[in-house]
Protein backbone atom coordinates (compact mmCIF):
# COMPACT_ATOMS: atom_id res chain seq x y z
CA UNK A 1 162.71 266.08 219.08
CA UNK A 2 160.65 269.11 220.12
CA UNK A 3 163.66 270.67 221.79
CA UNK A 4 165.83 270.08 218.72
CA UNK A 5 163.25 271.62 216.41
CA UNK A 6 162.80 274.71 218.56
CA UNK A 7 166.54 275.18 218.95
CA UNK A 8 167.09 274.68 215.24
CA UNK A 9 164.43 277.27 214.46
CA UNK A 10 165.95 279.73 216.93
CA UNK A 11 169.43 279.22 215.50
CA UNK A 12 168.21 279.81 211.95
CA UNK A 13 166.48 283.01 213.10
CA UNK A 14 169.65 284.12 214.88
CA UNK A 15 171.91 283.42 211.89
CA UNK A 16 169.52 285.33 209.65
CA UNK A 17 169.66 288.23 212.07
CA UNK A 18 173.49 288.19 211.99
CA UNK A 19 173.49 288.29 208.20
CA UNK A 20 170.97 291.14 208.03
CA UNK A 21 172.77 293.01 210.81
CA UNK A 22 176.09 292.87 208.94
CA UNK A 23 174.29 293.94 205.77
CA UNK A 24 172.85 296.93 207.63
CA UNK A 25 176.31 297.97 208.84
CA UNK A 26 177.53 297.80 205.23
CA UNK A 27 174.32 299.50 204.06
CA UNK A 28 175.04 302.57 206.17
CA UNK A 29 178.76 302.55 205.39
CA UNK A 30 178.06 302.22 201.63
CA UNK A 31 180.46 299.31 201.19
CA UNK A 32 180.57 297.79 197.70
CA UNK A 33 180.06 294.09 198.51
CA UNK A 34 176.53 294.15 200.02
CA UNK A 35 173.38 293.88 197.86
CA UNK A 36 172.25 297.48 198.39
CA UNK A 37 173.39 300.50 200.37
CA UNK A 38 171.95 303.83 201.40
CA UNK A 39 173.60 305.29 198.26
CA UNK A 40 173.02 302.35 195.92
CA UNK A 41 169.58 300.88 195.32
CA UNK A 42 166.50 301.36 193.14
CA UNK A 43 166.57 304.60 191.14
CA UNK A 44 163.50 306.83 191.28
CA UNK A 45 162.60 310.54 191.30
CA UNK A 46 163.33 312.17 194.65
CA UNK A 47 159.69 312.59 195.68
CA UNK A 48 158.80 308.98 194.92
CA UNK A 49 162.01 307.74 196.57
CA UNK A 50 161.27 309.72 199.72
CA UNK A 51 157.71 308.39 199.97
CA UNK A 52 158.82 304.77 199.48
CA UNK A 53 161.73 305.05 201.90
CA UNK A 54 159.57 306.61 204.61
CA UNK A 55 157.03 303.83 204.10
CA UNK A 56 159.73 301.18 204.48
CA UNK A 57 161.05 302.80 207.66
CA UNK A 58 157.52 303.06 209.07
CA UNK A 59 156.87 299.39 208.30
CA UNK A 60 160.04 298.33 210.12
CA UNK A 61 159.35 300.65 213.05
CA UNK A 62 155.73 299.53 213.44
CA UNK A 63 156.60 295.83 213.31
CA UNK A 64 159.56 296.17 215.63
CA UNK A 65 157.62 298.18 218.22
CA UNK A 66 154.18 296.56 218.01
CA UNK A 67 155.39 292.95 218.20
CA UNK A 68 157.54 293.76 221.24
CA UNK A 69 154.58 294.86 223.37
CA UNK A 70 153.41 292.61 226.20
CA UNK A 71 149.80 292.62 225.00
CA UNK A 72 150.78 291.42 221.53
CA UNK A 73 153.02 288.72 223.02
CA UNK A 74 150.14 287.38 225.08
CA UNK A 75 147.95 287.13 221.98
CA UNK A 76 150.79 285.90 219.75
CA UNK A 77 151.65 282.97 221.99
CA UNK A 78 148.20 281.51 221.42
CA UNK A 79 149.52 280.57 217.98
CA UNK A 80 153.30 280.42 218.51
CA UNK A 81 154.74 278.21 221.24
CA UNK A 82 156.27 280.45 223.96
CA UNK A 83 159.81 279.03 223.61
CA UNK A 84 159.82 280.15 219.96
CA UNK A 85 158.08 283.52 220.45
CA UNK A 86 161.23 285.63 220.70
CA UNK A 87 162.96 283.79 217.87
CA UNK A 88 159.90 284.45 215.69
CA UNK A 89 160.07 288.14 216.58
CA UNK A 90 163.77 288.21 215.64
CA UNK A 91 163.01 286.39 212.38
CA UNK A 92 160.25 288.79 211.31
CA UNK A 93 162.24 291.87 212.39
CA UNK A 94 165.22 290.65 210.33
CA UNK A 95 163.04 290.07 207.28
CA UNK A 96 161.45 293.50 207.64
CA UNK A 97 164.84 295.22 207.92
CA UNK A 98 166.09 293.19 204.96
CA UNK A 99 163.07 294.29 202.93
CA UNK A 100 163.76 297.92 203.80
CA UNK A 101 167.33 297.65 202.51
CA UNK A 102 166.43 295.57 199.46
CA UNK A 103 163.74 298.04 198.35
CA UNK A 104 165.69 301.17 199.30
CA UNK A 105 165.59 304.13 196.91
CA UNK A 106 168.67 306.41 197.22
CA UNK A 107 168.16 310.17 197.19
CA UNK A 108 170.95 312.20 195.62
CA UNK A 109 172.47 315.32 197.13
CA UNK A 110 174.24 315.78 200.42
CA UNK A 111 173.91 317.71 203.64
CA UNK A 112 177.64 317.40 204.20
CA UNK A 113 180.57 315.75 202.44
CA UNK A 114 183.63 315.39 204.68
CA UNK A 115 185.15 312.35 203.00
CA UNK A 116 188.31 314.28 202.08
CA UNK A 117 188.49 316.18 205.37
CA UNK A 118 190.75 315.34 208.30
CA UNK A 119 187.68 314.65 210.46
CA UNK A 120 186.61 311.68 208.29
CA UNK A 121 188.61 309.06 210.27
CA UNK A 122 187.11 310.42 213.50
CA UNK A 123 183.59 309.99 212.12
CA UNK A 124 184.35 306.44 210.95
CA UNK A 125 185.77 305.67 214.40
CA UNK A 126 182.55 306.98 215.97
CA UNK A 127 180.57 304.82 213.54
CA UNK A 128 182.47 301.75 214.73
CA UNK A 129 182.15 302.73 218.39
CA UNK A 130 178.39 302.98 217.97
CA UNK A 131 178.16 299.37 216.84
CA UNK A 132 180.50 298.23 219.63
CA UNK A 133 178.33 299.97 222.22
CA UNK A 134 175.21 298.41 220.73
CA UNK A 135 176.57 294.85 220.69
CA UNK A 136 178.25 295.15 224.09
CA UNK A 137 174.95 296.36 225.56
CA UNK A 138 173.20 293.19 224.41
CA UNK A 139 175.78 291.05 226.23
CA UNK A 140 175.69 293.19 229.37
CA UNK A 141 172.11 292.06 229.92
CA UNK A 142 171.58 288.74 228.13
CA UNK A 143 172.42 288.53 224.44
CA UNK A 144 171.03 285.02 224.06
CA UNK A 145 167.75 285.88 225.73
CA UNK A 146 167.39 289.04 223.63
CA UNK A 147 167.61 286.98 220.43
CA UNK A 148 165.49 284.05 221.58
CA UNK A 149 168.14 281.36 222.03
CA UNK A 150 167.81 281.07 225.80
CA UNK A 151 164.00 280.82 225.64
CA UNK A 152 164.26 278.09 223.01
CA UNK A 153 166.72 276.13 225.16
CA UNK A 154 164.79 276.49 228.41
CA UNK A 155 161.41 275.96 226.80
CA UNK A 156 162.58 272.77 225.24
CA UNK A 157 162.84 271.31 228.73
CA UNK A 158 159.74 272.46 230.57
CA UNK A 159 158.37 275.61 228.95
CA UNK A 160 159.23 277.66 232.01
CA UNK A 161 161.44 280.72 231.91
CA UNK A 162 163.33 282.44 234.66
CA UNK A 163 161.68 285.62 235.91
CA UNK A 164 163.50 288.69 234.53
CA UNK A 165 165.79 290.48 236.95
CA UNK A 166 166.44 294.21 236.82
CA UNK A 167 170.17 294.87 236.44
CA UNK A 168 172.10 298.00 235.51
CA UNK A 169 175.63 296.89 234.50
CA UNK A 170 178.32 299.20 233.08
CA UNK A 171 176.75 301.39 230.34
CA UNK A 172 173.34 301.08 231.98
CA UNK A 173 174.64 303.03 234.96
CA UNK A 174 175.20 306.01 232.65
CA UNK A 175 172.21 305.87 230.29
CA UNK A 176 169.05 303.79 230.40
CA UNK A 177 169.22 302.67 226.78
CA UNK A 178 172.86 302.27 225.69
CA UNK A 179 171.84 299.83 222.96
CA UNK A 180 169.76 302.54 221.32
CA UNK A 181 172.48 305.12 221.97
CA UNK A 182 174.95 302.99 220.03
CA UNK A 183 172.42 302.68 217.22
CA UNK A 184 171.91 306.46 217.07
CA UNK A 185 175.66 307.09 217.00
CA UNK A 186 176.09 304.63 214.12
CA UNK A 187 173.21 306.21 212.20
CA UNK A 188 174.60 309.74 212.35
CA UNK A 189 178.38 309.26 212.38
CA UNK A 190 179.25 309.45 208.70
CA UNK A 191 181.58 311.65 206.66
CA UNK A 192 178.99 311.71 203.84
CA UNK A 193 175.45 312.59 204.84
CA UNK A 194 173.39 312.24 201.68
CA UNK A 195 169.70 313.08 201.63
CA UNK A 196 168.96 309.38 201.58
CA UNK A 197 171.19 308.76 204.59
CA UNK A 198 169.48 311.65 206.37
CA UNK A 199 166.10 310.03 205.75
CA UNK A 200 167.13 306.68 207.23
CA UNK A 201 169.00 308.28 210.15
CA UNK A 202 166.18 310.65 211.06
CA UNK A 203 163.45 308.07 210.45
CA UNK A 204 165.07 305.39 212.60
CA UNK A 205 165.90 307.92 215.31
CA UNK A 206 162.22 308.84 215.51
CA UNK A 207 161.38 305.12 215.67
CA UNK A 208 163.88 304.70 218.53
CA UNK A 209 162.32 307.52 220.54
CA UNK A 210 158.83 306.10 220.03
CA UNK A 211 160.06 302.61 220.85
CA UNK A 212 161.70 303.82 224.08
CA UNK A 213 158.42 305.40 225.18
CA UNK A 214 156.56 302.11 224.76
CA UNK A 215 159.40 300.01 226.16
CA UNK A 216 159.62 302.07 229.33
CA UNK A 217 155.90 301.62 229.95
CA UNK A 218 156.46 297.87 229.82
CA UNK A 219 159.51 298.13 232.10
CA UNK A 220 157.59 300.13 234.68
CA UNK A 221 154.79 297.55 234.55
CA UNK A 222 157.37 294.76 234.97
CA UNK A 223 159.70 296.23 237.61
CA UNK A 224 157.49 298.88 239.21
CA UNK A 225 159.08 301.35 241.61
CA UNK A 226 162.58 299.97 241.00
CA UNK A 227 162.47 301.11 237.38
CA UNK A 228 160.79 304.40 238.25
CA UNK A 229 163.61 305.17 240.68
CA UNK A 230 166.18 304.12 238.08
CA UNK A 231 164.86 306.45 235.40
CA UNK A 232 164.71 309.30 237.91
CA UNK A 233 168.49 308.97 238.38
CA UNK A 234 169.79 307.99 234.93
CA UNK A 235 169.43 309.80 231.60
CA UNK A 236 167.62 308.20 228.69
CA UNK A 237 170.19 308.41 225.86
CA UNK A 238 172.50 311.20 227.07
CA UNK A 239 173.94 311.14 230.60
CA UNK A 240 171.89 313.44 232.83
CA UNK A 241 169.28 314.21 230.18
CA UNK A 242 165.85 312.62 229.88
CA UNK A 243 165.53 311.71 233.52
CA UNK A 244 161.96 311.30 234.75
CA UNK A 245 160.93 312.05 238.31
CA UNK A 246 159.99 309.20 240.61
CA UNK A 247 156.58 309.60 242.21
CA UNK A 248 156.47 310.22 245.94
CA UNK A 249 156.17 307.13 248.08
């Protein structure tokens, strides 16, 4: 019964994530059949819209980064059973992202408008490639662990999880964070960069850079010299750029 409940909870969290994820793709692409988009939301004067949108981005970024830290996880699992910890993180992150989109305030005006230009299909192709890189990167490591399904399944048996192993498959041989790279590409590859789209793209890019800084501290603590050597060889988001020197032995 306990195993069934934990797995059911994890599956609900995962399905919610899938729904919010697809909404976010449509949100950035400004498709007509999602509840809100970066160009269609709650109307407000530009100054008020900017303040609210930045607050929503900051809320998502803080939750997504803070709850992922090892210290928070240790405290959090005093109240949440370890097999459900990751699924709970996914659930709250999905709700926070959904809130950001639901309460989004568009900002009129554009930095560029290339919708009628010949380059528009290229930008849409890049947009799609960004999402493919992001999703593929989750499977290259362990998609089901990343979204809490594996922990729920294993924890339902004995509460013990396999120790994480450092692997660098495919994209990870070229950049350390291909998942984030795909996200950045999808954020910026658009034929119509409105002021509102610029706010979400720039805001979430800043969140990504801050998140990488914290994540790499955790990875060094987890994998030690192996990860330090890895980041001395491989760029952070762009091949060859953002490498950090490995300390002398």
